[in-house]
């Protein structure tokens, strides 16, 4: 599976992306942190791929993998309950992203 690197430039941009994930959650196969690569990976279903949307990853800072895993699990758990991601969620996750990471 090939992932496309993406790094939001601001908390606002990350929040927009998290809301997009929330709204399209029926087309999300998984959202998880891969400890082997240090990436937060968003894998989409075939219908989303057909519409031109790639699987993406966000590089996570070294030593922050567990924090990122905990935060994204909370965001996704809240999404299953019908709660949209908040600016607080986006801020906390944004601080864990490595803008220079590969």
C-alpha atoms as a PDB file:
ATOM      1  CA  UNK A   1       0.000   0.000   0.000  1.00  0.00           C
ATOM      2  CA  UNK A   2       1.422   3.359  -1.002  1.00  0.00           C
ATOM      3  CA  UNK A   3       0.809   6.407   1.159  1.00  0.00           C
ATOM      4  CA  UNK A   4       1.180  10.044   0.131  1.00  0.00           C
ATOM      5  CA  UNK A   5       2.995  12.324   2.580  1.00  0.00           C
ATOM      6  CA  UNK A   6       0.996  15.275   3.827  1.00  0.00           C
ATOM      7  CA  UNK A   7       1.864  17.883   6.421  1.00  0.00           C
ATOM      8  CA  UNK A   8      -0.705  20.509   7.380  1.00  0.00           C
ATOM      9  CA  UNK A   9       0.714  24.020   7.615  1.00  0.00           C
ATOM     10  CA  UNK A  10      -1.471  25.085  10.543  1.00  0.00           C
ATOM     11  CA  UNK A  11      -3.776  23.828  13.266  1.00  0.00           C
ATOM     12  CA  UNK A  12      -6.708  25.145  11.235  1.00  0.00           C
ATOM     13  CA  UNK A  13      -5.668  23.111   8.193  1.00  0.00           C
ATOM     14  CA  UNK A  14      -5.277  19.980  10.340  1.00  0.00           C
ATOM     15  CA  UNK A  15      -8.695  20.562  11.892  1.00  0.00           C
ATOM     16  CA  UNK A  16     -10.212  20.842   8.405  1.00  0.00           C
ATOM     17  CA  UNK A  17      -8.567  17.536   7.492  1.00  0.00           C
ATOM     18  CA  UNK A  18      -9.761  15.837  10.700  1.00  0.00           C
ATOM     19  CA  UNK A  19     -13.321  17.041  10.030  1.00  0.00           C
ATOM     20  CA  UNK A  20     -13.060  15.682   6.481  1.00  0.00           C
ATOM     21  CA  UNK A  21     -12.050  12.303   7.948  1.00  0.00           C
ATOM     22  CA  UNK A  22     -14.968  12.518  10.368  1.00  0.00           C
ATOM     23  CA  UNK A  23     -17.468  13.342   7.631  1.00  0.00           C
ATOM     24  CA  UNK A  24     -16.130  10.630   5.310  1.00  0.00           C
ATOM     25  CA  UNK A  25     -15.556   8.018   8.003  1.00  0.00           C
ATOM     26  CA  UNK A  26     -17.642   5.472   6.120  1.00  0.00           C
ATOM     27  CA  UNK A  27     -14.853   5.450   3.501  1.00  0.00           C
ATOM     28  CA  UNK A  28     -11.996   5.147   6.002  1.00  0.00           C
ATOM     29  CA  UNK A  29     -10.498   1.665   6.312  1.00  0.00           C
ATOM     30  CA  UNK A  30      -8.140   2.651   9.125  1.00  0.00           C
ATOM     31  CA  UNK A  31      -6.497   5.527  10.915  1.00  0.00           C
ATOM     32  CA  UNK A  32      -3.519   4.435  12.964  1.00  0.00           C
ATOM     33  CA  UNK A  33       0.035   5.182  13.950  1.00  0.00           C
ATOM     34  CA  UNK A  34       2.602   2.847  12.420  1.00  0.00           C
ATOM     35  CA  UNK A  35       5.437   2.558  14.972  1.00  0.00           C
ATOM     36  CA  UNK A  36       7.791   1.045  12.386  1.00  0.00           C
ATOM     37  CA  UNK A  37       7.640   4.124  10.150  1.00  0.00           C
ATOM     38  CA  UNK A  38       6.663   6.816  12.661  1.00  0.00           C
ATOM     39  CA  UNK A  39       3.671   7.778  10.529  1.00  0.00           C
ATOM     40  CA  UNK A  40       0.050   8.485  11.267  1.00  0.00           C
ATOM     41  CA  UNK A  41      -1.569   6.618   8.360  1.00  0.00           C
ATOM     42  CA  UNK A  42      -5.036   7.147   6.916  1.00  0.00           C
ATOM     43  CA  UNK A  43      -6.103   4.274   4.638  1.00  0.00           C
ATOM     44  CA  UNK A  44      -9.196   4.769   2.490  1.00  0.00           C
ATOM     45  CA  UNK A  45     -11.545   2.311   0.823  1.00  0.00           C
ATOM     46  CA  UNK A  46     -11.782   1.585  -2.895  1.00  0.00           C
ATOM     47  CA  UNK A  47     -14.607   4.048  -3.487  1.00  0.00           C
ATOM     48  CA  UNK A  48     -12.518   6.913  -2.045  1.00  0.00           C
ATOM     49  CA  UNK A  49      -9.568   5.848  -4.204  1.00  0.00           C
ATOM     50  CA  UNK A  50     -11.806   5.751  -7.272  1.00  0.00           C
ATOM     51  CA  UNK A  51     -12.820   9.351  -6.491  1.00  0.00           C
ATOM     52  CA  UNK A  52      -9.140  10.319  -6.619  1.00  0.00           C
ATOM     53  CA  UNK A  53      -8.319  10.411  -2.920  1.00  0.00           C
ATOM     54  CA  UNK A  54      -5.010   8.755  -1.939  1.00  0.00           C
ATOM     55  CA  UNK A  55      -4.067   7.053   1.299  1.00  0.00           C
ATOM     56  CA  UNK A  56      -1.988   9.568   3.272  1.00  0.00           C
ATOM     57  CA  UNK A  57       0.506   9.700   6.099  1.00  0.00           C
ATOM     58  CA  UNK A  58       1.602  12.421   8.480  1.00  0.00           C
ATOM     59  CA  UNK A  59       5.124  12.080   9.906  1.00  0.00           C
ATOM     60  CA  UNK A  60       5.227  12.036  13.714  1.00  0.00           C
ATOM     61  CA  UNK A  61       8.071  13.423  15.845  1.00  0.00           C
ATOM     62  CA  UNK A  62      10.459  10.869  17.314  1.00  0.00           C
ATOM     63  CA  UNK A  63       9.458   9.918  20.824  1.00  0.00           C
ATOM     64  CA  UNK A  64       5.859  11.052  20.262  1.00  0.00           C
ATOM     65  CA  UNK A  65       4.478   7.873  18.645  1.00  0.00           C
ATOM     66  CA  UNK A  66       2.572   6.743  21.756  1.00  0.00           C
ATOM     67  CA  UNK A  67       1.135  10.235  22.269  1.00  0.00           C
ATOM     68  CA  UNK A  68      -0.014  10.366  18.643  1.00  0.00           C
ATOM     69  CA  UNK A  69      -1.565   6.884  18.892  1.00  0.00           C
ATOM     70  CA  UNK A  70      -3.429   7.846  22.045  1.00  0.00           C
ATOM     71  CA  UNK A  71      -4.703  11.121  20.551  1.00  0.00           C
ATOM     72  CA  UNK A  72      -5.889   9.664  17.240  1.00  0.00           C
ATOM     73  CA  UNK A  73      -7.590   6.736  18.999  1.00  0.00           C
ATOM     74  CA  UNK A  74      -9.484   9.250  21.133  1.00  0.00           C
ATOM     75  CA  UNK A  75     -10.463  11.329  18.095  1.00  0.00           C
ATOM     76  CA  UNK A  76     -11.701   8.241  16.232  1.00  0.00           C
ATOM     77  CA  UNK A  77     -13.544   6.889  19.287  1.00  0.00           C
ATOM     78  CA  UNK A  78     -15.314  10.244  19.654  1.00  0.00           C
ATOM     79  CA  UNK A  79     -16.126  10.209  15.919  1.00  0.00           C
ATOM     80  CA  UNK A  80     -17.855   6.844  16.323  1.00  0.00           C
ATOM     81  CA  UNK A  81     -20.031   8.483  18.972  1.00  0.00           C
ATOM     82  CA  UNK A  82     -20.938  11.269  16.547  1.00  0.00           C
ATOM     83  CA  UNK A  83     -18.625  13.965  17.942  1.00  0.00           C
ATOM     84  CA  UNK A  84     -16.662  16.089  15.478  1.00  0.00           C
ATOM     85  CA  UNK A  85     -12.950  16.677  16.096  1.00  0.00           C
ATOM     86  CA  UNK A  86     -12.266  19.841  18.061  1.00  0.00           C
ATOM     87  CA  UNK A  87      -9.649  22.554  17.746  1.00  0.00           C
ATOM     88  CA  UNK A  88      -8.119  21.155  20.958  1.00  0.00           C
ATOM     89  CA  UNK A  89      -7.733  17.770  19.241  1.00  0.00           C
ATOM     90  CA  UNK A  90      -6.139  19.405  16.216  1.00  0.00           C
ATOM     91  CA  UNK A  91      -3.774  21.509  18.361  1.00  0.00           C
ATOM     92  CA  UNK A  92      -2.626  18.489  20.376  1.00  0.00           C
ATOM     93  CA  UNK A  93      -2.061  16.408  17.245  1.00  0.00           C
ATOM     94  CA  UNK A  94      -0.416  19.273  15.353  1.00  0.00           C
ATOM     95  CA  UNK A  95       2.233  19.531  18.077  1.00  0.00           C
ATOM     96  CA  UNK A  96       3.151  15.873  17.436  1.00  0.00           C
ATOM     97  CA  UNK A  97       3.665  16.243  13.666  1.00  0.00           C
ATOM     98  CA  UNK A  98       7.207  16.423  12.328  1.00  0.00           C
ATOM     99  CA  UNK A  99       7.079  18.926   9.440  1.00  0.00           C
ATOM    100  CA  UNK A 100      10.510  17.796   8.190  1.00  0.00           C
ATOM    101  CA  UNK A 101       9.896  14.070   8.669  1.00  0.00           C
ATOM    102  CA  UNK A 102       9.814  11.688   5.761  1.00  0.00           C
END
